[in-house]
Amino acid sequence: MNSQSWTRLWPVAFITVIGFGCGTQKVLTENDNIPASYVDADGTNETLSPDTLRNPFPHLLMTDGRITLNDRCPVRKAILNKRLPALFVNGQPLGFC
């Protein structure tokens, strides 16, 4: 092969080699980051709706068993919303309103 054909082929070869390393990432399914219910900070007393008298700002229990780090929305300082998926930071879920 002459140098002109290598000039045309090197981008294809580069993309092909780089593409082989991209398949090792974990693909999140739809149910991996969905809040399941409200819980206390220690993970006890699970309820489907927030109990504003005993615990005005409950944490969220995720479907995989993890509990959110925060008990209120970082944006509005309101109660966390179960309908919004959590954002994972260093493997820990953060809830939003």
Protein backbone atom coordinates (compact mmCIF):
# COMPACT_ATOMS: atom_id res chain seq x y z
CA MET A 1 0.00 0.00 0.00
CA ASN A 2 1.16 3.46 -0.69
CA SER A 3 1.10 6.34 1.77
CA GLN A 4 -2.06 7.84 0.29
CA SER A 5 -4.17 4.74 1.08
CA TRP A 6 -2.81 4.63 4.68
CA THR A 7 -3.83 8.25 5.08
CA ARG A 8 -7.39 7.29 4.20
CA LEU A 9 -7.49 4.13 6.34
CA TRP A 10 -5.95 5.26 9.63
CA PRO A 11 -9.12 7.05 10.90
CA VAL A 12 -11.17 3.87 10.30
CA ALA A 13 -8.57 1.73 12.06
CA PHE A 14 -8.38 4.17 14.98
CA ILE A 15 -12.15 4.24 15.49
CA THR A 16 -12.32 0.45 15.27
CA VAL A 17 -9.64 -0.04 17.92
CA ILE A 18 -11.17 2.57 20.24
CA GLY A 19 -14.63 1.03 19.79
CA PHE A 20 -13.54 -2.31 21.24
CA GLY A 21 -12.89 -0.75 24.65
CA CYS A 22 -16.31 0.89 24.96
CA GLY A 23 -18.30 -2.30 25.59
CA THR A 24 -17.18 -2.78 29.20
CA GLN A 25 -19.40 -0.10 30.78
CA LYS A 26 -22.46 -1.13 32.81
CA VAL A 27 -25.64 -0.19 31.05
CA LEU A 28 -28.27 1.07 33.46
CA THR A 29 -31.70 -0.40 32.98
CA GLU A 30 -34.88 1.57 33.40
CA ASN A 31 -35.46 0.27 36.95
CA ASP A 32 -31.95 0.91 38.35
CA ASN A 33 -32.53 4.47 39.48
CA ILE A 34 -36.25 4.67 40.23
CA PRO A 35 -37.26 5.61 43.78
CA ALA A 36 -39.52 2.98 45.35
CA SER A 37 -40.72 4.53 48.61
CA TYR A 38 -40.01 7.02 51.38
CA VAL A 39 -37.92 5.91 54.40
CA ASP A 40 -36.30 7.35 57.51
CA ALA A 41 -32.60 8.23 57.44
CA ASP A 42 -31.67 4.83 58.89
CA GLY A 43 -33.79 2.92 56.35
CA THR A 44 -36.61 1.92 58.70
CA ASN A 45 -40.27 2.90 58.69
CA GLU A 46 -40.92 2.60 54.95
CA THR A 47 -44.01 4.39 53.60
CA LEU A 48 -45.43 5.05 50.16
CA SER A 49 -46.32 8.65 50.95
CA PRO A 50 -44.36 11.13 53.08
CA ASP A 51 -45.42 11.43 56.72
CA THR A 52 -45.12 15.17 57.27
CA LEU A 53 -45.82 15.03 61.01
CA ARG A 54 -43.21 12.50 62.15
CA ASN A 55 -40.69 12.92 59.35
CA PRO A 56 -41.21 16.06 57.23
CA PHE A 57 -38.23 15.34 54.93
CA PRO A 58 -37.87 11.57 54.37
CA HIS A 59 -35.14 9.94 52.31
CA LEU A 60 -35.98 7.84 49.25
CA LEU A 61 -35.43 4.09 49.07
CA MET A 62 -34.35 3.04 45.57
CA THR A 63 -35.46 -0.19 43.88
CA ASP A 64 -31.98 -1.66 44.33
CA GLY A 65 -32.08 -1.07 48.12
CA ARG A 66 -29.90 2.05 48.32
CA ILE A 67 -31.07 5.12 50.26
CA THR A 68 -30.59 8.66 48.94
CA LEU A 69 -27.90 10.77 50.56
CA ASN A 70 -30.14 13.82 50.80
CA ASP A 71 -33.51 14.24 52.48
CA ARG A 72 -34.58 17.37 50.62
CA CYS A 73 -34.19 18.76 47.12
CA PRO A 74 -30.87 20.56 46.57
CA VAL A 75 -32.58 23.04 44.23
CA ARG A 76 -35.73 24.15 46.07
CA LYS A 77 -35.13 22.63 49.54
CA ALA A 78 -38.50 20.86 49.20
CA ILE A 79 -39.49 17.22 49.74
CA LEU A 80 -37.99 14.68 47.31
CA ASN A 81 -40.13 13.50 44.41
CA LYS A 82 -40.58 9.76 43.85
CA ARG A 83 -41.45 10.25 40.18
CA LEU A 84 -38.03 11.65 39.25
CA PRO A 85 -35.09 9.30 38.75
CA ALA A 86 -32.13 9.80 41.03
CA LEU A 87 -28.75 11.08 39.95
CA PHE A 88 -25.88 8.83 41.03
CA VAL A 89 -22.71 10.49 42.33
CA ASN A 90 -19.89 8.09 43.21
CA GLY A 91 -22.41 5.26 43.27
CA GLN A 92 -24.74 6.98 45.75
CA PRO A 93 -28.20 8.25 44.71
CA LEU A 94 -29.26 11.89 45.04
CA GLY A 95 -32.97 12.70 44.88
CA PHE A 96 -34.57 15.78 43.33
CA CYS A 97 -37.90 17.58 43.48
